[in-house]
Amino acid sequence: DYMFAKINGGKPVTDKNIQAVTEKYLLKTVELSQSQ
């Protein structure tokens, strides 16, 4: 829970948004391209 809240700006993550939160994290923070 701590890991995913950390990458979501401190907000809890649920099954409904975990995939979207993770993809945003990879795009914006990790700076992967959408093609990657």
ModelCIF file with pLDDT and N, C-alpha, C, O atoms, coordinates in Angstrom:
data_MODEL
#
_entry.id   MODEL 
#
_entity.id                         1 
_entity.type                       polymer 
_entity.pdbx_number_of_molecules   1 
#
_entity_poly.entity_id                      1 
_entity_poly.type                           'polypeptide(L)' 
_entity_poly.nstd_linkage                   no 
_entity_poly.nstd_monomer                   no 
_entity_poly.pdbx_seq_one_letter_code       DYMFAKINGGKPVTDKNIQAVTEKYLLKTVELSQSQ 
_entity_poly.pdbx_seq_one_letter_code_can   DYMFAKINGGKPVTDKNIQAVTEKYLLKTVELSQSQ 
_entity_poly.pdbx_strand_id                 A 
#
loop_
_entity_poly_seq.entity_id 
_entity_poly_seq.num 
_entity_poly_seq.mon_id 
_entity_poly_seq.hetero 
1 1  ASP n 
1 2  TYR n 
1 3  MET n 
1 4  PHE n 
1 5  ALA n 
1 6  LYS n 
1 7  ILE n 
1 8  ASN n 
1 9  GLY n 
1 10 GLY n 
1 11 LYS n 
1 12 PRO n 
1 13 VAL n 
1 14 THR n 
1 15 ASP n 
1 16 LYS n 
1 17 ASN n 
1 18 ILE n 
1 19 GLN n 
1 20 ALA n 
1 21 VAL n 
1 22 THR n 
1 23 GLU n 
1 24 LYS n 
1 25 TYR n 
1 26 LEU n 
1 27 LEU n 
1 28 LYS n 
1 29 THR n 
1 30 VAL n 
1 31 GLU n 
1 32 LEU n 
1 33 SER n 
1 34 GLN n 
1 35 SER n 
1 36 GLN n 
#
_struct_asym.id          A 
_struct_asym.entity_id   1 
#
loop_
_ma_qa_metric.id 
_ma_qa_metric.mode 
_ma_qa_metric.name 
_ma_qa_metric.software_group_id 
_ma_qa_metric.type 
1 global pLDDT . pLDDT 
2 local  pLDDT . pLDDT 
#
_ma_qa_metric_global.metric_id      1 
_ma_qa_metric_global.metric_value   94.92 
_ma_qa_metric_global.model_id       1 
_ma_qa_metric_global.ordinal_id     1 
#
loop_
_ma_qa_metric_local.label_asym_id 
_ma_qa_metric_local.label_comp_id 
_ma_qa_metric_local.label_seq_id 
_ma_qa_metric_local.metric_id 
_ma_qa_metric_local.metric_value 
_ma_qa_metric_local.model_id 
_ma_qa_metric_local.ordinal_id 
A ASP 1  2 91.00 1 1  
A TYR 2  2 87.00 1 2  
A MET 3  2 90.00 1 3  
A PHE 4  2 94.00 1 4  
A ALA 5  2 92.00 1 5  
A LYS 6  2 88.00 1 6  
A ILE 7  2 93.00 1 7  
A ASN 8  2 94.00 1 8  
A GLY 9  2 90.00 1 9  
A GLY 10 2 88.00 1 10 
A LYS 11 2 93.00 1 11 
A PRO 12 2 93.00 1 12 
A VAL 13 2 95.00 1 13 
A THR 14 2 96.00 1 14 
A ASP 15 2 96.00 1 15 
A LYS 16 2 96.00 1 16 
A ASN 17 2 96.00 1 17 
A ILE 18 2 97.00 1 18 
A GLN 19 2 97.00 1 19 
A ALA 20 2 97.00 1 20 
A VAL 21 2 97.00 1 21 
A THR 22 2 97.00 1 22 
A GLU 23 2 97.00 1 23 
A LYS 24 2 97.00 1 24 
A TYR 25 2 97.00 1 25 
A LEU 26 2 98.00 1 26 
A LEU 27 2 97.00 1 27 
A LYS 28 2 96.00 1 28 
A THR 29 2 96.00 1 29 
A VAL 30 2 97.00 1 30 
A GLU 31 2 97.00 1 31 
A LEU 32 2 98.00 1 32 
A SER 33 2 98.00 1 33 
A GLN 34 2 97.00 1 34 
A SER 35 2 97.00 1 35 
A GLN 36 2 98.00 1 36 
#
loop_
_atom_site.group_PDB 
_atom_site.id 
_atom_site.type_symbol 
_atom_site.label_atom_id 
_atom_site.label_alt_id 
_atom_site.label_comp_id 
_atom_site.label_asym_id 
_atom_site.label_entity_id 
_atom_site.label_seq_id 
_atom_site.pdbx_PDB_ins_code 
_atom_site.Cartn_x 
_atom_site.Cartn_y 
_atom_site.Cartn_z 
_atom_site.occupancy 
_atom_site.B_iso_or_equiv 
_atom_site.pdbx_formal_charge 
_atom_site.auth_seq_id 
_atom_site.auth_comp_id 
_atom_site.auth_asym_id 
_atom_site.auth_atom_id 
_atom_site.pdbx_PDB_model_num 
ATOM 1   N N  . ASP A 1 1  ? 0.843  -1.204 0.000   1.00 91.00 ? 1  ASP A N  1 
ATOM 2   C CA . ASP A 1 1  ? 0.000  0.000  0.000   1.00 91.00 ? 1  ASP A CA 1 
ATOM 3   C C  . ASP A 1 1  ? 0.874  1.250  0.000   1.00 91.00 ? 1  ASP A C  1 
ATOM 4   O O  . ASP A 1 1  ? 0.590  2.226  -0.694  1.00 91.00 ? 1  ASP A O  1 
ATOM 5   N N  . TYR A 1 2  ? 1.937  1.199  0.788   1.00 87.00 ? 2  TYR A N  1 
ATOM 6   C CA . TYR A 1 2  ? 2.853  2.349  0.877   1.00 87.00 ? 2  TYR A CA 1 
ATOM 7   C C  . TYR A 1 2  ? 3.507  2.635  -0.472  1.00 87.00 ? 2  TYR A C  1 
ATOM 8   O O  . TYR A 1 2  ? 3.587  3.790  -0.891  1.00 87.00 ? 2  TYR A O  1 
ATOM 9   N N  . MET A 1 3  ? 3.973  1.595  -1.150  1.00 90.00 ? 3  MET A N  1 
ATOM 10  C CA . MET A 1 3  ? 4.624  1.760  -2.450  1.00 90.00 ? 3  MET A CA 1 
ATOM 11  C C  . MET A 1 3  ? 3.732  2.509  -3.435  1.00 90.00 ? 3  MET A C  1 
ATOM 12  O O  . MET A 1 3  ? 4.148  3.487  -4.056  1.00 90.00 ? 3  MET A O  1 
ATOM 13  N N  . PHE A 1 4  ? 2.498  2.027  -3.564  1.00 94.00 ? 4  PHE A N  1 
ATOM 14  C CA . PHE A 1 4  ? 1.614  2.592  -4.580  1.00 94.00 ? 4  PHE A CA 1 
ATOM 15  C C  . PHE A 1 4  ? 1.071  3.965  -4.174  1.00 94.00 ? 4  PHE A C  1 
ATOM 16  O O  . PHE A 1 4  ? 0.846  4.822  -5.029  1.00 94.00 ? 4  PHE A O  1 
ATOM 17  N N  . ALA A 1 5  ? 0.861  4.173  -2.879  1.00 92.00 ? 5  ALA A N  1 
ATOM 18  C CA . ALA A 1 5  ? 0.455  5.503  -2.440  1.00 92.00 ? 5  ALA A CA 1 
ATOM 19  C C  . ALA A 1 5  ? 1.569  6.511  -2.720  1.00 92.00 ? 5  ALA A C  1 
ATOM 20  O O  . ALA A 1 5  ? 1.303  7.661  -3.070  1.00 92.00 ? 5  ALA A O  1 
ATOM 21  N N  . LYS A 1 6  ? 2.815  6.071  -2.564  1.00 88.00 ? 6  LYS A N  1 
ATOM 22  C CA . LYS A 1 6  ? 3.970  6.940  -2.795  1.00 88.00 ? 6  LYS A CA 1 
ATOM 23  C C  . LYS A 1 6  ? 4.022  7.417  -4.244  1.00 88.00 ? 6  LYS A C  1 
ATOM 24  O O  . LYS A 1 6  ? 4.305  8.587  -4.505  1.00 88.00 ? 6  LYS A O  1 
ATOM 25  N N  . ILE A 1 7  ? 3.748  6.510  -5.188  1.00 93.00 ? 7  ILE A N  1 
ATOM 26  C CA . ILE A 1 7  ? 3.815  6.904  -6.594  1.00 93.00 ? 7  ILE A CA 1 
ATOM 27  C C  . ILE A 1 7  ? 2.538  7.613  -7.047  1.00 93.00 ? 7  ILE A C  1 
ATOM 28  O O  . ILE A 1 7  ? 2.454  8.111  -8.170  1.00 93.00 ? 7  ILE A O  1 
ATOM 29  N N  . ASN A 1 8  ? 1.538  7.650  -6.145  1.00 94.00 ? 8  ASN A N  1 
ATOM 30  C CA . ASN A 1 8  ? 0.271  8.326  -6.454  1.00 94.00 ? 8  ASN A CA 1 
ATOM 31  C C  . ASN A 1 8  ? 0.124  9.610  -5.645  1.00 94.00 ? 8  ASN A C  1 
ATOM 32  O O  . ASN A 1 8  ? -0.991 10.024 -5.326  1.00 94.00 ? 8  ASN A O  1 
ATOM 33  N N  . GLY A 1 9  ? 1.243  10.234 -5.317  1.00 90.00 ? 9  GLY A N  1 
ATOM 34  C CA . GLY A 1 9  ? 1.193  11.502 -4.601  1.00 90.00 ? 9  GLY A CA 1 
ATOM 35  C C  . GLY A 1 9  ? 0.671  11.406 -3.194  1.00 90.00 ? 9  GLY A C  1 
ATOM 36  O O  . GLY A 1 9  ? 0.134  12.379 -2.663  1.00 90.00 ? 9  GLY A O  1 
ATOM 37  N N  . GLY A 1 10 ? 0.821  10.224 -2.565  1.00 88.00 ? 10 GLY A N  1 
ATOM 38  C CA . GLY A 1 10 ? 0.373  10.041 -1.196  1.00 88.00 ? 10 GLY A CA 1 
ATOM 39  C C  . GLY A 1 10 ? -1.055 9.558  -1.061  1.00 88.00 ? 10 GLY A C  1 
ATOM 40  O O  . GLY A 1 10 ? -1.516 9.295  0.049   1.00 88.00 ? 10 GLY A O  1 
ATOM 41  N N  . LYS A 1 11 ? -1.766 9.436  -2.175  1.00 93.00 ? 11 LYS A N  1 
ATOM 42  C CA . LYS A 1 11 ? -3.161 8.996  -2.135  1.00 93.00 ? 11 LYS A CA 1 
ATOM 43  C C  . LYS A 1 11 ? -3.257 7.481  -2.275  1.00 93.00 ? 11 LYS A C  1 
ATOM 44  O O  . LYS A 1 11 ? -2.524 6.892  -3.069  1.00 93.00 ? 11 LYS A O  1 
ATOM 45  N N  . PRO A 1 12 ? -4.149 6.837  -1.516  1.00 93.00 ? 12 PRO A N  1 
ATOM 46  C CA . PRO A 1 12 ? -4.314 5.377  -1.613  1.00 93.00 ? 12 PRO A CA 1 
ATOM 47  C C  . PRO A 1 12 ? -4.697 4.943  -3.022  1.00 93.00 ? 12 PRO A C  1 
ATOM 48  O O  . PRO A 1 12 ? -5.376 5.664  -3.752  1.00 93.00 ? 12 PRO A O  1 
ATOM 49  N N  . VAL A 1 13 ? -4.246 3.750  -3.384  1.00 95.00 ? 13 VAL A N  1 
ATOM 50  C CA . VAL A 1 13 ? -4.541 3.184  -4.702  1.00 95.00 ? 13 VAL A CA 1 
ATOM 51  C C  . VAL A 1 13 ? -5.500 2.008  -4.529  1.00 95.00 ? 13 VAL A C  1 
ATOM 52  O O  . VAL A 1 13 ? -5.377 1.239  -3.576  1.00 95.00 ? 13 VAL A O  1 
ATOM 53  N N  . THR A 1 14 ? -6.448 1.870  -5.444  1.00 96.00 ? 14 THR A N  1 
ATOM 54  C CA . THR A 1 14 ? -7.406 0.770  -5.396  1.00 96.00 ? 14 THR A CA 1 
ATOM 55  C C  . THR A 1 14 ? -7.300 -0.045 -6.685  1.00 96.00 ? 14 THR A C  1 
ATOM 56  O O  . THR A 1 14 ? -6.573 0.319  -7.609  1.00 96.00 ? 14 THR A O  1 
ATOM 57  N N  . ASP A 1 15 ? -8.033 -1.144 -6.728  1.00 96.00 ? 15 ASP A N  1 
ATOM 58  C CA . ASP A 1 15 ? -8.044 -1.971 -7.932  1.00 96.00 ? 15 ASP A CA 1 
ATOM 59  C C  . ASP A 1 15 ? -8.547 -1.182 -9.147  1.00 96.00 ? 15 ASP A C  1 
ATOM 60  O O  . ASP A 1 15 ? -8.176 -1.479 -10.282 1.00 96.00 ? 15 ASP A O  1 
ATOM 61  N N  . LYS A 1 16 ? -9.390 -0.181 -8.899  1.00 96.00 ? 16 LYS A N  1 
ATOM 62  C CA . LYS A 1 16 ? -9.978 0.579  -10.003 1.00 96.00 ? 16 LYS A CA 1 
ATOM 63  C C  . LYS A 1 16 ? -8.968 1.483  -10.705 1.00 96.00 ? 16 LYS A C  1 
ATOM 64  O O  . LYS A 1 16 ? -9.076 1.729  -11.906 1.00 96.00 ? 16 LYS A O  1 
ATOM 65  N N  . ASN A 1 17 ? -7.983 1.978  -9.948  1.00 96.00 ? 17 ASN A N  1 
ATOM 66  C CA . ASN A 1 17 ? -7.079 2.954  -10.572 1.00 96.00 ? 17 ASN A CA 1 
ATOM 67  C C  . ASN A 1 17 ? -5.614 2.535  -10.586 1.00 96.00 ? 17 ASN A C  1 
ATOM 68  O O  . ASN A 1 17 ? -4.764 3.284  -11.068 1.00 96.00 ? 17 ASN A O  1 
ATOM 69  N N  . ILE A 1 18 ? -5.305 1.348  -10.065 1.00 97.00 ? 18 ILE A N  1 
ATOM 70  C CA . ILE A 1 18 ? -3.899 0.968  -9.939  1.00 97.00 ? 18 ILE A CA 1 
ATOM 71  C C  . ILE A 1 18 ? -3.180 0.896  -11.283 1.00 97.00 ? 18 ILE A C  1 
ATOM 72  O O  . ILE A 1 18 ? -2.021 1.300  -11.383 1.00 97.00 ? 18 ILE A O  1 
ATOM 73  N N  . GLN A 1 19 ? -3.840 0.395  -12.300 1.00 97.00 ? 19 GLN A N  1 
ATOM 74  C CA . GLN A 1 19 ? -3.200 0.277  -13.607 1.00 97.00 ? 19 GLN A CA 1 
ATOM 75  C C  . GLN A 1 19 ? -2.947 1.663  -14.209 1.00 97.00 ? 19 GLN A C  1 
ATOM 76  O O  . GLN A 1 19 ? -1.878 1.917  -14.763 1.00 97.00 ? 19 GLN A O  1 
ATOM 77  N N  . ALA A 1 20 ? -3.920 2.542  -14.098 1.00 97.00 ? 20 ALA A N  1 
ATOM 78  C CA . ALA A 1 20 ? -3.773 3.899  -14.637 1.00 97.00 ? 20 ALA A CA 1 
ATOM 79  C C  . ALA A 1 20 ? -2.709 4.680  -13.874 1.00 97.00 ? 20 ALA A C  1 
ATOM 80  O O  . ALA A 1 20 ? -1.915 5.404  -14.475 1.00 97.00 ? 20 ALA A O  1 
ATOM 81  N N  . VAL A 1 21 ? -2.692 4.535  -12.556 1.00 97.00 ? 21 VAL A N  1 
ATOM 82  C CA . VAL A 1 21 ? -1.688 5.214  -11.733 1.00 97.00 ? 21 VAL A CA 1 
ATOM 83  C C  . VAL A 1 21 ? -0.290 4.748  -12.107 1.00 97.00 ? 21 VAL A C  1 
ATOM 84  O O  . VAL A 1 21 ? 0.636  5.552  -12.218 1.00 97.00 ? 21 VAL A O  1 
ATOM 85  N N  . THR A 1 22 ? -0.149 3.439  -12.299 1.00 97.00 ? 22 THR A N  1 
ATOM 86  C CA . THR A 1 22 ? 1.163  2.870  -12.630 1.00 97.00 ? 22 THR A CA 1 
ATOM 87  C C  . THR A 1 22 ? 1.627  3.332  -14.008 1.00 97.00 ? 22 THR A C  1 
ATOM 88  O O  . THR A 1 22 ? 2.795  3.677  -14.192 1.00 97.00 ? 22 THR A O  1 
ATOM 89  N N  . GLU A 1 23 ? 0.719  3.337  -14.967 1.00 97.00 ? 23 GLU A N  1 
ATOM 90  C CA . GLU A 1 23 ? 1.101  3.771  -16.315 1.00 97.00 ? 23 GLU A CA 1 
ATOM 91  C C  . GLU A 1 23 ? 1.489  5.252  -16.316 1.00 97.00 ? 23 GLU A C  1 
ATOM 92  O O  . GLU A 1 23 ? 2.433  5.645  -17.001 1.00 97.00 ? 23 GLU A O  1 
ATOM 93  N N  . LYS A 1 24 ? 0.773  6.063  -15.562 1.00 97.00 ? 24 LYS A N  1 
ATOM 94  C CA . LYS A 1 24 ? 1.120  7.477  -15.455 1.00 97.00 ? 24 LYS A CA 1 
ATOM 95  C C  . LYS A 1 24 ? 2.490  7.646  -14.806 1.00 97.00 ? 24 LYS A C  1 
ATOM 96  O O  . LYS A 1 24 ? 3.287  8.482  -15.232 1.00 97.00 ? 24 LYS A O  1 
ATOM 97  N N  . TYR A 1 25 ? 2.758  6.855  -13.782 1.00 97.00 ? 25 TYR A N  1 
ATOM 98  C CA . TYR A 1 25 ? 4.060  6.888  -13.096 1.00 97.00 ? 25 TYR A CA 1 
ATOM 99  C C  . TYR A 1 25 ? 5.191  6.533  -14.060 1.00 97.00 ? 25 TYR A C  1 
ATOM 100 O O  . TYR A 1 25 ? 6.242  7.174  -14.058 1.00 97.00 ? 25 TYR A O  1 
ATOM 101 N N  . LEU A 1 26 ? 4.968  5.509  -14.882 1.00 98.00 ? 26 LEU A N  1 
ATOM 102 C CA . LEU A 1 26 ? 6.000  5.100  -15.841 1.00 98.00 ? 26 LEU A CA 1 
ATOM 103 C C  . LEU A 1 26 ? 6.215  6.162  -16.915 1.00 98.00 ? 26 LEU A C  1 
ATOM 104 O O  . LEU A 1 26 ? 7.337  6.348  -17.387 1.00 98.00 ? 26 LEU A O  1 
ATOM 105 N N  . LEU A 1 27 ? 5.159  6.854  -17.300 1.00 97.00 ? 27 LEU A N  1 
ATOM 106 C CA . LEU A 1 27 ? 5.269  7.909  -18.312 1.00 97.00 ? 27 LEU A CA 1 
ATOM 107 C C  . LEU A 1 27 ? 5.904  9.185  -17.750 1.00 97.00 ? 27 LEU A C  1 
ATOM 108 O O  . LEU A 1 27 ? 6.835  9.736  -18.337 1.00 97.00 ? 27 LEU A O  1 
ATOM 109 N N  . LYS A 1 28 ? 5.392  9.642  -16.615 1.00 96.00 ? 28 LYS A N  1 
ATOM 110 C CA . LYS A 1 28 ? 5.774  10.958 -16.095 1.00 96.00 ? 28 LYS A CA 1 
ATOM 111 C C  . LYS A 1 28 ? 7.017  10.932 -15.213 1.00 96.00 ? 28 LYS A C  1 
ATOM 112 O O  . LYS A 1 28 ? 7.853  11.833 -15.291 1.00 96.00 ? 28 LYS A O  1 
ATOM 113 N N  . THR A 1 29 ? 7.143  9.908  -14.379 1.00 96.00 ? 29 THR A N  1 
ATOM 114 C CA . THR A 1 29 ? 8.256  9.865  -13.425 1.00 96.00 ? 29 THR A CA 1 
ATOM 115 C C  . THR A 1 29 ? 9.431  9.059  -13.968 1.00 96.00 ? 29 THR A C  1 
ATOM 116 O O  . THR A 1 29 ? 10.568 9.531  -13.969 1.00 96.00 ? 29 THR A O  1 
ATOM 117 N N  . VAL A 1 30 ? 9.152  7.846  -14.427 1.00 97.00 ? 30 VAL A N  1 
ATOM 118 C CA . VAL A 1 30 ? 10.216 6.974  -14.952 1.00 97.00 ? 30 VAL A CA 1 
ATOM 119 C C  . VAL A 1 30 ? 10.626 7.422  -16.350 1.00 97.00 ? 30 VAL A C  1 
ATOM 120 O O  . VAL A 1 30 ? 11.718 7.103  -16.820 1.00 97.00 ? 30 VAL A O  1 
ATOM 121 N N  . GLU A 1 31 ? 9.739  8.162  -17.006 1.00 97.00 ? 31 GLU A N  1 
ATOM 122 C CA . GLU A 1 31 ? 9.991  8.751  -18.329 1.00 97.00 ? 31 GLU A CA 1 
ATOM 123 C C  . GLU A 1 31 ? 10.212 7.703  -19.423 1.00 97.00 ? 31 GLU A C  1 
ATOM 124 O O  . GLU A 1 31 ? 11.069 7.859  -20.293 1.00 97.00 ? 31 GLU A O  1 
ATOM 125 N N  . LEU A 1 32 ? 9.421  6.638  -19.352 1.00 98.00 ? 32 LEU A N  1 
ATOM 126 C CA . LEU A 1 32 ? 9.346  5.724  -20.485 1.00 98.00 ? 32 LEU A CA 1 
ATOM 127 C C  . LEU A 1 32 ? 8.433  6.346  -21.535 1.00 98.00 ? 32 LEU A C  1 
ATOM 128 O O  . LEU A 1 32 ? 7.551  7.138  -21.203 1.00 98.00 ? 32 LEU A O  1 
ATOM 129 N N  . SER A 1 33 ? 8.639  5.995  -22.780 1.00 98.00 ? 33 SER A N  1 
ATOM 130 C CA . SER A 1 33 ? 7.738  6.460  -23.835 1.00 98.00 ? 33 SER A CA 1 
ATOM 131 C C  . SER A 1 33 ? 6.509  5.551  -23.863 1.00 98.00 ? 33 SER A C  1 
ATOM 132 O O  . SER A 1 33 ? 6.530  4.444  -23.325 1.00 98.00 ? 33 SER A O  1 
ATOM 133 N N  . GLN A 1 34 ? 5.451  6.031  -24.493 1.00 97.00 ? 34 GLN A N  1 
ATOM 134 C CA . GLN A 1 34 ? 4.256  5.206  -24.602 1.00 97.00 ? 34 GLN A CA 1 
ATOM 135 C C  . GLN A 1 34 ? 4.544  3.953  -25.422 1.00 97.00 ? 34 GLN A C  1 
ATOM 136 O O  . GLN A 1 34 ? 3.983  2.893  -25.144 1.00 97.00 ? 34 GLN A O  1 
ATOM 137 N N  . SER A 1 35 ? 5.402  4.057  -26.415 1.00 97.00 ? 35 SER A N  1 
ATOM 138 C CA . SER A 1 35 ? 5.737  2.877  -27.220 1.00 97.00 ? 35 SER A CA 1 
ATOM 139 C C  . SER A 1 35 ? 6.505  1.853  -26.397 1.00 97.00 ? 35 SER A C  1 
ATOM 140 O O  . SER A 1 35 ? 6.336  0.651  -26.603 1.00 97.00 ? 35 SER A O  1 
ATOM 141 N N  . GLN A 1 36 ? 7.347  2.305  -25.468 1.00 98.00 ? 36 GLN A N  1 
ATOM 142 C CA . GLN A 1 36 ? 8.054  1.368  -24.591 1.00 98.00 ? 36 GLN A CA 1 
ATOM 143 C C  . GLN A 1 36 ? 7.079  0.659  -23.648 1.00 98.00 ? 36 GLN A C  1 
ATOM 144 O O  . GLN A 1 36 ? 7.496  -0.168 -22.836 1.00 98.00 ? 36 GLN A O  1 
#
